[in-house]
Amino acid sequence: MTGYFVLSGMAFQDFIEEIQVLGRDLVEKIKELLHEGNVRKVIIKDEHGNTYMEIPVNVAAVGVLVAPLLAAVGALSALVAKFSVVIVRSEPKRPESPSEPVDQPVV
């Protein structure tokens, strides 16, 4: 699933990735994702697809909110053995190459 959005005249494309994480590794993986530059949202689900937490990374980027957020993720990781983490990333959309060659002036 992909989507497009425009920010300041530049088009971005959303990429959605889903990974499986064990409960004991969940906090470390969320920390890692919060420090990546192109992650927009992290969704934590159990193995049955029930959503436990959605983290908009722009909110989590504020340093004051990171510690309580990770504490909540740590408490959550004690409840379930396996998690599915959905990662929404955004990358600049590559300009489409022209279908016909463009004539370049010869100097």
N, C-alpha and C. Protein backbone atom coordinates (compact mmCIF):
# COMPACT_ATOMS: atom_id res chain seq x y z
N MET A 1 0.85 -1.17 0.00
CA MET A 1 0.00 0.00 0.00
C MET A 1 0.90 1.23 0.00
N THR A 2 0.65 2.14 -0.89
CA THR A 2 1.41 3.39 -0.93
C THR A 2 0.45 4.55 -1.04
N GLY A 3 0.90 5.70 -0.63
CA GLY A 3 0.09 6.90 -0.73
C GLY A 3 1.00 8.07 -1.01
N TYR A 4 0.45 9.15 -1.47
CA TYR A 4 1.23 10.33 -1.79
C TYR A 4 0.73 11.50 -0.98
N PHE A 5 1.63 12.39 -0.60
CA PHE A 5 1.24 13.65 -0.01
C PHE A 5 2.26 14.69 -0.42
N VAL A 6 1.88 15.96 -0.37
CA VAL A 6 2.75 17.03 -0.81
C VAL A 6 3.05 17.94 0.37
N LEU A 7 4.31 18.26 0.55
CA LEU A 7 4.76 19.12 1.63
C LEU A 7 5.71 20.14 1.03
N SER A 8 5.37 21.40 1.12
CA SER A 8 6.20 22.49 0.61
C SER A 8 6.57 22.30 -0.85
N GLY A 9 5.63 21.89 -1.65
CA GLY A 9 5.86 21.76 -3.08
C GLY A 9 6.62 20.50 -3.47
N MET A 10 7.02 19.67 -2.53
CA MET A 10 7.74 18.44 -2.83
C MET A 10 6.83 17.26 -2.54
N ALA A 11 6.71 16.34 -3.48
CA ALA A 11 5.85 15.18 -3.30
C ALA A 11 6.61 14.08 -2.56
N PHE A 12 5.92 13.44 -1.63
CA PHE A 12 6.48 12.33 -0.89
C PHE A 12 5.60 11.12 -1.10
N GLN A 13 6.19 9.94 -0.99
CA GLN A 13 5.45 8.70 -1.14
C GLN A 13 5.59 7.91 0.16
N ASP A 14 4.47 7.35 0.65
CA ASP A 14 4.48 6.54 1.85
C ASP A 14 4.78 5.08 1.49
N PHE A 15 5.66 4.48 2.26
CA PHE A 15 5.95 3.06 2.13
C PHE A 15 5.59 2.40 3.44
N ILE A 16 4.84 1.33 3.38
CA ILE A 16 4.41 0.64 4.59
C ILE A 16 5.13 -0.70 4.67
N GLU A 17 5.77 -0.92 5.80
CA GLU A 17 6.55 -2.13 6.04
C GLU A 17 6.04 -2.77 7.33
N GLU A 18 6.00 -4.09 7.38
CA GLU A 18 5.54 -4.78 8.58
C GLU A 18 6.59 -5.80 8.97
N ILE A 19 7.02 -5.75 10.24
CA ILE A 19 8.03 -6.68 10.73
C ILE A 19 7.51 -7.39 11.97
N GLN A 20 8.04 -8.56 12.26
CA GLN A 20 7.68 -9.33 13.44
C GLN A 20 8.77 -9.11 14.49
N VAL A 21 8.37 -8.83 15.73
CA VAL A 21 9.31 -8.56 16.81
C VAL A 21 8.87 -9.33 18.04
N LEU A 22 9.81 -9.94 18.75
CA LEU A 22 9.51 -10.59 20.02
C LEU A 22 9.35 -9.52 21.10
N GLY A 23 8.56 -9.83 22.11
CA GLY A 23 8.29 -8.87 23.18
C GLY A 23 9.54 -8.31 23.83
N ARG A 24 10.56 -9.16 24.02
CA ARG A 24 11.78 -8.71 24.69
C ARG A 24 12.59 -7.74 23.84
N ASP A 25 12.36 -7.73 22.52
CA ASP A 25 13.11 -6.84 21.61
C ASP A 25 12.31 -5.60 21.20
N LEU A 26 11.08 -5.49 21.68
CA LEU A 26 10.19 -4.44 21.20
C LEU A 26 10.70 -3.03 21.53
N VAL A 27 11.11 -2.78 22.76
CA VAL A 27 11.54 -1.44 23.15
C VAL A 27 12.75 -1.00 22.33
N GLU A 28 13.71 -1.90 22.17
CA GLU A 28 14.92 -1.55 21.41
C GLU A 28 14.59 -1.25 19.95
N LYS A 29 13.67 -2.01 19.36
CA LYS A 29 13.29 -1.77 17.96
C LYS A 29 12.57 -0.44 17.82
N ILE A 30 11.69 -0.10 18.77
CA ILE A 30 10.97 1.17 18.71
C ILE A 30 11.95 2.34 18.85
N LYS A 31 12.94 2.21 19.76
CA LYS A 31 13.97 3.25 19.89
C LYS A 31 14.69 3.46 18.58
N GLU A 32 15.06 2.36 17.95
CA GLU A 32 15.78 2.41 16.67
C GLU A 32 14.94 3.13 15.61
N LEU A 33 13.65 2.80 15.55
CA LEU A 33 12.77 3.40 14.55
C LEU A 33 12.56 4.89 14.81
N LEU A 34 12.49 5.29 16.08
CA LEU A 34 12.27 6.70 16.41
C LEU A 34 13.45 7.56 15.97
N HIS A 35 14.65 6.97 15.89
CA HIS A 35 15.83 7.73 15.51
C HIS A 35 16.04 7.78 14.00
N GLU A 36 15.30 6.99 13.25
CA GLU A 36 15.42 7.05 11.79
C GLU A 36 14.72 8.29 11.27
N GLY A 37 15.23 8.85 10.22
CA GLY A 37 14.70 10.12 9.73
C GLY A 37 13.44 10.01 8.88
N ASN A 38 13.20 8.89 8.24
CA ASN A 38 12.10 8.83 7.29
C ASN A 38 10.87 8.07 7.80
N VAL A 39 10.81 7.76 9.09
CA VAL A 39 9.67 7.05 9.66
C VAL A 39 8.63 8.08 10.11
N ARG A 40 7.39 7.94 9.65
CA ARG A 40 6.33 8.88 10.00
C ARG A 40 5.44 8.35 11.12
N LYS A 41 5.21 7.03 11.13
CA LYS A 41 4.30 6.45 12.12
C LYS A 41 4.71 5.01 12.39
N VAL A 42 4.56 4.59 13.66
CA VAL A 42 4.81 3.20 14.06
C VAL A 42 3.53 2.68 14.71
N ILE A 43 3.07 1.53 14.25
CA ILE A 43 1.87 0.90 14.79
C ILE A 43 2.26 -0.45 15.38
N ILE A 44 1.91 -0.67 16.65
CA ILE A 44 2.24 -1.93 17.32
C ILE A 44 0.97 -2.77 17.42
N LYS A 45 1.06 -4.00 16.86
CA LYS A 45 -0.09 -4.92 16.86
C LYS A 45 0.35 -6.23 17.48
N ASP A 46 -0.64 -7.00 17.98
CA ASP A 46 -0.31 -8.34 18.45
C ASP A 46 -0.36 -9.30 17.28
N GLU A 47 -0.10 -10.57 17.56
CA GLU A 47 -0.05 -11.56 16.47
C GLU A 47 -1.41 -11.83 15.84
N HIS A 48 -2.49 -11.37 16.46
CA HIS A 48 -3.83 -11.53 15.91
C HIS A 48 -4.29 -10.30 15.13
N GLY A 49 -3.46 -9.27 15.06
CA GLY A 49 -3.80 -8.07 14.31
C GLY A 49 -4.47 -6.98 15.12
N ASN A 50 -4.63 -7.17 16.42
CA ASN A 50 -5.22 -6.13 17.27
C ASN A 50 -4.20 -5.02 17.51
N THR A 51 -4.59 -3.78 17.27
CA THR A 51 -3.69 -2.65 17.44
C THR A 51 -3.61 -2.27 18.91
N TYR A 52 -2.38 -2.21 19.43
CA TYR A 52 -2.15 -1.82 20.82
C TYR A 52 -1.77 -0.35 20.93
N MET A 53 -0.97 0.14 19.99
CA MET A 53 -0.49 1.50 20.09
C MET A 53 -0.12 2.02 18.71
N GLU A 54 -0.44 3.29 18.46
CA GLU A 54 -0.01 3.99 17.26
C GLU A 54 0.82 5.18 17.71
N ILE A 55 2.02 5.29 17.17
CA ILE A 55 2.92 6.35 17.57
C ILE A 55 3.23 7.23 16.36
N PRO A 56 2.70 8.45 16.33
CA PRO A 56 3.14 9.37 15.27
C PRO A 56 4.53 9.86 15.64
N VAL A 57 5.50 9.61 14.80
CA VAL A 57 6.89 9.86 15.14
C VAL A 57 7.18 11.35 15.31
N ASN A 58 6.44 12.21 14.63
CA ASN A 58 6.67 13.65 14.82
C ASN A 58 6.36 14.07 16.26
N VAL A 59 5.43 13.41 16.92
CA VAL A 59 5.14 13.68 18.33
C VAL A 59 6.23 13.07 19.21
N ALA A 60 6.66 11.86 18.88
CA ALA A 60 7.67 11.18 19.68
C ALA A 60 9.04 11.82 19.54
N ALA A 61 9.24 12.62 18.51
CA ALA A 61 10.53 13.27 18.30
C ALA A 61 10.83 14.30 19.38
N VAL A 62 9.82 14.80 20.04
CA VAL A 62 10.04 15.74 21.13
C VAL A 62 10.65 14.94 22.28
N GLY A 63 11.85 15.32 22.71
CA GLY A 63 12.61 14.54 23.69
C GLY A 63 11.87 14.26 24.98
N VAL A 64 11.03 15.17 25.44
CA VAL A 64 10.31 15.00 26.70
C VAL A 64 9.34 13.84 26.61
N LEU A 65 8.79 13.56 25.44
CA LEU A 65 7.79 12.51 25.30
C LEU A 65 8.38 11.13 25.08
N VAL A 66 9.66 11.04 24.76
CA VAL A 66 10.24 9.74 24.41
C VAL A 66 10.30 8.80 25.62
N ALA A 67 10.73 9.28 26.78
CA ALA A 67 10.88 8.40 27.95
C ALA A 67 9.56 7.78 28.39
N PRO A 68 8.48 8.56 28.58
CA PRO A 68 7.21 7.93 28.96
C PRO A 68 6.67 6.99 27.88
N LEU A 69 6.92 7.34 26.63
CA LEU A 69 6.48 6.51 25.52
C LEU A 69 7.18 5.16 25.56
N LEU A 70 8.49 5.16 25.77
CA LEU A 70 9.23 3.90 25.83
C LEU A 70 8.86 3.09 27.07
N ALA A 71 8.51 3.76 28.16
CA ALA A 71 8.05 3.04 29.35
C ALA A 71 6.73 2.33 29.06
N ALA A 72 5.84 2.99 28.33
CA ALA A 72 4.56 2.37 27.96
C ALA A 72 4.80 1.18 27.02
N VAL A 73 5.73 1.33 26.08
CA VAL A 73 6.05 0.23 25.17
C VAL A 73 6.65 -0.94 25.96
N GLY A 74 7.50 -0.64 26.96
CA GLY A 74 8.07 -1.69 27.79
C GLY A 74 7.02 -2.45 28.57
N ALA A 75 6.04 -1.74 29.12
CA ALA A 75 4.94 -2.39 29.84
C ALA A 75 4.11 -3.24 28.88
N LEU A 76 3.93 -2.74 27.70
CA LEU A 76 3.17 -3.46 26.69
C LEU A 76 3.88 -4.74 26.27
N SER A 77 5.21 -4.68 26.18
CA SER A 77 5.97 -5.85 25.74
C SER A 77 5.89 -7.00 26.74
N ALA A 78 5.55 -6.71 28.00
CA ALA A 78 5.40 -7.77 28.99
C ALA A 78 4.10 -8.54 28.82
N LEU A 79 3.15 -7.97 28.08
CA LEU A 79 1.84 -8.60 27.94
C LEU A 79 1.78 -9.68 26.86
N VAL A 80 2.51 -9.48 25.78
CA VAL A 80 2.39 -10.36 24.62
C VAL A 80 3.78 -10.82 24.20
N ALA A 81 3.91 -12.06 23.73
CA ALA A 81 5.21 -12.60 23.35
C ALA A 81 5.66 -12.13 21.97
N LYS A 82 4.75 -12.03 21.02
CA LYS A 82 5.11 -11.65 19.65
C LYS A 82 4.30 -10.43 19.23
N PHE A 83 4.97 -9.52 18.56
CA PHE A 83 4.30 -8.33 18.05
C PHE A 83 4.57 -8.18 16.57
N SER A 84 3.66 -7.48 15.94
CA SER A 84 3.83 -7.07 14.56
C SER A 84 3.95 -5.55 14.59
N VAL A 85 5.02 -5.02 14.02
CA VAL A 85 5.24 -3.58 14.01
C VAL A 85 5.08 -3.10 12.57
N VAL A 86 4.12 -2.21 12.37
CA VAL A 86 3.88 -1.62 11.06
C VAL A 86 4.58 -0.28 11.03
N ILE A 87 5.42 -0.07 10.02
CA ILE A 87 6.22 1.15 9.91
C ILE A 87 5.79 1.89 8.66
N VAL A 88 5.39 3.15 8.83
CA VAL A 88 5.03 3.99 7.69
C VAL A 88 6.20 4.93 7.46
N ARG A 89 6.84 4.78 6.33
CA ARG A 89 7.99 5.61 5.97
C ARG A 89 7.61 6.55 4.83
N SER A 90 8.27 7.69 4.77
CA SER A 90 8.04 8.59 3.64
C SER A 90 9.38 8.89 2.99
N GLU A 91 9.37 8.88 1.68
CA GLU A 91 10.54 9.21 0.89
C GLU A 91 10.12 10.13 -0.22
N PRO A 92 11.02 11.03 -0.63
CA PRO A 92 10.67 11.91 -1.75
C PRO A 92 10.34 11.08 -2.98
N LYS A 93 9.30 11.49 -3.66
CA LYS A 93 8.89 10.80 -4.89
C LYS A 93 9.89 11.12 -5.98
N ARG A 94 10.36 10.10 -6.64
CA ARG A 94 11.31 10.31 -7.74
C ARG A 94 10.56 10.90 -8.94
N PRO A 95 11.15 11.90 -9.58
CA PRO A 95 10.48 12.45 -10.76
C PRO A 95 10.43 11.41 -11.86
N GLU A 96 9.31 11.39 -12.54
CA GLU A 96 9.16 10.43 -13.63
C GLU A 96 10.04 10.85 -14.79
N SER A 97 10.69 9.88 -15.39
CA SER A 97 11.55 10.20 -16.53
C SER A 97 10.66 10.47 -17.74
N PRO A 98 11.04 11.44 -18.56
CA PRO A 98 10.22 11.75 -19.73
C PRO A 98 10.20 10.57 -20.69
N SER A 99 9.06 10.38 -21.34
CA SER A 99 8.92 9.25 -22.26
C SER A 99 9.70 9.48 -23.54
N GLU A 100 9.88 10.73 -23.91
CA GLU A 100 10.65 11.05 -25.11
C GLU A 100 11.94 11.73 -24.68
N PRO A 101 13.03 11.47 -25.39
CA PRO A 101 14.28 12.14 -25.04
C PRO A 101 14.17 13.65 -25.25
N VAL A 102 14.79 14.39 -24.38
CA VAL A 102 14.77 15.84 -24.48
C VAL A 102 16.01 16.29 -25.23
N ASP A 103 15.81 17.15 -26.23
CA ASP A 103 16.94 17.66 -27.00
C ASP A 103 17.75 18.61 -26.14
N GLN A 104 19.03 18.36 -26.06
CA GLN A 104 19.93 19.20 -25.30
C GLN A 104 20.71 20.08 -26.29
N PRO A 105 20.86 21.37 -26.01
CA PRO A 105 21.63 22.22 -26.92
C PRO A 105 23.10 21.81 -26.90
N VAL A 106 23.70 21.79 -28.07
CA VAL A 106 25.11 21.46 -28.18
C VAL A 106 25.91 22.74 -28.15
N VAL A 107 26.92 22.77 -27.29
CA VAL A 107 27.72 23.98 -27.14
C VAL A 107 28.97 23.87 -27.93
